[in-house]
C-alpha atoms as a PDB file:
ATOM      1  CA  MET A   1     -10.157   0.030   5.445  1.00  0.00           C
ATOM      2  CA  PHE A   2      -7.105  -1.335   3.686  1.00  0.00           C
ATOM      3  CA  MET A   3      -3.672  -0.132   2.724  1.00  0.00           C
ATOM      4  CA  ALA A   4      -2.051  -1.170  -0.528  1.00  0.00           C
ATOM      5  CA  GLU A   5       1.712  -1.271  -0.791  1.00  0.00           C
ATOM      6  CA  PHE A   6       3.103  -0.727  -4.262  1.00  0.00           C
ATOM      7  CA  LYS A   7       6.601  -1.346  -5.601  1.00  0.00           C
ATOM      8  CA  LEU A   8       7.718   1.312  -8.053  1.00  0.00           C
ATOM      9  CA  ARG A   9      10.529   0.829 -10.538  1.00  0.00           C
ATOM     10  CA  TYR A  10      12.328   3.392 -12.632  1.00  0.00           C
ATOM     11  CA  GLY A  11      15.364   1.997 -14.404  1.00  0.00           C
ATOM     12  CA  SER A  12      17.542   0.405 -11.731  1.00  0.00           C
ATOM     13  CA  MET A  13      15.830   2.330  -8.905  1.00  0.00           C
ATOM     14  CA  LYS A  14      13.115   0.747  -6.775  1.00  0.00           C
ATOM     15  CA  TRP A  15      11.021   2.146  -3.927  1.00  0.00           C
ATOM     16  CA  TYR A  16       7.727   1.520  -2.165  1.00  0.00           C
ATOM     17  CA  VAL A  17       4.662   3.691  -1.627  1.00  0.00           C
ATOM     18  CA  ARG A  18       1.446   3.034   0.228  1.00  0.00           C
ATOM     19  CA  ARG A  19      -2.070   4.182  -0.559  1.00  0.00           C
ATOM     20  CA  ILE A  20      -5.300   3.860   1.389  1.00  0.00           C
ATOM     21  CA  VAL A  21      -7.919   1.712  -0.352  1.00  0.00           C
ATOM     22  CA  GLU A  22     -11.536   2.267   0.593  1.00  0.00           C
ATOM     23  CA  ALA A  23     -13.177  -1.127   0.282  1.00  0.00           C
ATOM     24  CA  LYS A  24     -15.431  -3.397   2.328  1.00  0.00           C
ATOM     25  CA  THR A  25     -13.532  -6.639   1.732  1.00  0.00           C
ATOM     26  CA  LEU A  26      -9.968  -7.724   1.090  1.00  0.00           C
ATOM     27  CA  GLU A  27     -10.980  -9.042  -2.328  1.00  0.00           C
ATOM     28  CA  GLU A  28     -12.516  -5.706  -3.304  1.00  0.00           C
ATOM     29  CA  ALA A  29      -9.389  -3.892  -2.097  1.00  0.00           C
ATOM     30  CA  LYS A  30      -7.137  -6.154  -4.191  1.00  0.00           C
ATOM     31  CA  GLU A  31      -9.293  -5.617  -7.261  1.00  0.00           C
ATOM     32  CA  LEU A  32      -9.248  -1.825  -6.845  1.00  0.00           C
ATOM     33  CA  ALA A  33      -5.486  -1.816  -6.255  1.00  0.00           C
ATOM     34  CA  GLU A  34      -4.862  -3.939  -9.356  1.00  0.00           C
ATOM     35  CA  ARG A  35      -7.077  -1.651 -11.434  1.00  0.00           C
ATOM     36  CA  TYR A  36      -5.176   1.335 -10.021  1.00  0.00           C
ATOM     37  CA  VAL A  37      -1.867  -0.214 -11.139  1.00  0.00           C
ATOM     38  CA  LYS A  38      -3.179  -0.792 -14.659  1.00  0.00           C
ATOM     39  CA  ALA A  39      -4.549   2.745 -14.876  1.00  0.00           C
ATOM     40  CA  ILE A  40      -1.428   4.469 -13.544  1.00  0.00           C
ATOM     41  CA  ASN A  41       1.149   2.502 -15.554  1.00  0.00           C
ATOM     42  CA  LYS A  42       1.245   4.953 -18.438  1.00  0.00           C
ATOM     43  CA  GLY A  43       4.512   6.731 -17.653  1.00  0.00           C
ATOM     44  CA  GLU A  44       8.125   5.732 -17.203  1.00  0.00           C
ATOM     45  CA  VAL A  45       7.654   4.561 -13.616  1.00  0.00           C
ATOM     46  CA  LYS A  46       6.441   0.953 -13.426  1.00  0.00           C
ATOM     47  CA  TRP A  47       3.963   0.277 -10.582  1.00  0.00           C
ATOM     48  CA  GLU A  48       3.447  -3.228  -9.158  1.00  0.00           C
ATOM     49  CA  LEU A  49       1.061  -4.282  -6.393  1.00  0.00           C
ATOM     50  CA  ASN A  50       3.177  -5.659  -3.573  1.00  0.00           C
ATOM     51  CA  ASP A  51       0.668  -6.360  -0.776  1.00  0.00           C
ATOM     52  CA  ILE A  52      -2.644  -5.364   0.830  1.00  0.00           C
ATOM     53  CA  TYR A  53      -3.039  -4.802   4.575  1.00  0.00           C
ATOM     54  CA  GLU A  54      -6.177  -4.355   6.641  1.00  0.00           C
ATOM     55  CA  VAL A  55      -5.734  -1.283   8.861  1.00  0.00           C
ATOM     56  CA  ASP A  56      -7.642   0.517  11.580  1.00  0.00           C
ATOM     57  CA  LYS A  57      -5.643   3.747  11.801  1.00  0.00           C
ATOM     58  CA  PRO A  58      -3.473   3.913   8.697  1.00  0.00           C
ATOM     59  CA  LEU A  59      -0.226   5.879   8.768  1.00  0.00           C
ATOM     60  CA  THR A  60      -0.815   7.060  12.328  1.00  0.00           C
ATOM     61  CA  ILE A  61       2.053   6.784  14.792  1.00  0.00           C
ATOM     62  CA  THR A  62       0.699   6.577  18.320  1.00  0.00           C
ATOM     63  CA  LYS A  63       2.352   6.223  21.715  1.00  0.00           C
ATOM     64  CA  GLU A  64       0.857   2.727  22.003  1.00  0.00           C
ATOM     65  CA  MET A  65       2.281   1.687  18.633  1.00  0.00           C
ATOM     66  CA  VAL A  66       5.774   2.892  19.566  1.00  0.00           C
ATOM     67  CA  GLU A  67       5.631   1.133  22.930  1.00  0.00           C
ATOM     68  CA  LYS A  68       4.519  -2.086  21.221  1.00  0.00           C
ATOM     69  CA  LEU A  69       7.406  -1.858  18.745  1.00  0.00           C
ATOM     70  CA  GLU A  70       9.885  -1.163  21.521  1.00  0.00           C
ATOM     71  CA  LYS A  71       8.809  -4.363  23.306  1.00  0.00           C
ATOM     72  CA  ALA A  72       9.095  -6.531  20.204  1.00  0.00           C
END
């Protein structure tokens, strides 16, 4: 499983969103994310693919994750 991070632009504003990408390989995930950007860029908000991450438990905050971050 992968997570795609997208940069969104609207005028001078910029923010990031993440979406889960169901794919078997990193290459397939990148292709799907790029196709998603092309398909969704029909409004005033401009989407750009920023990065792709391989994830085990996406968007889940666990005690172990917090402890690991606290040690870093």
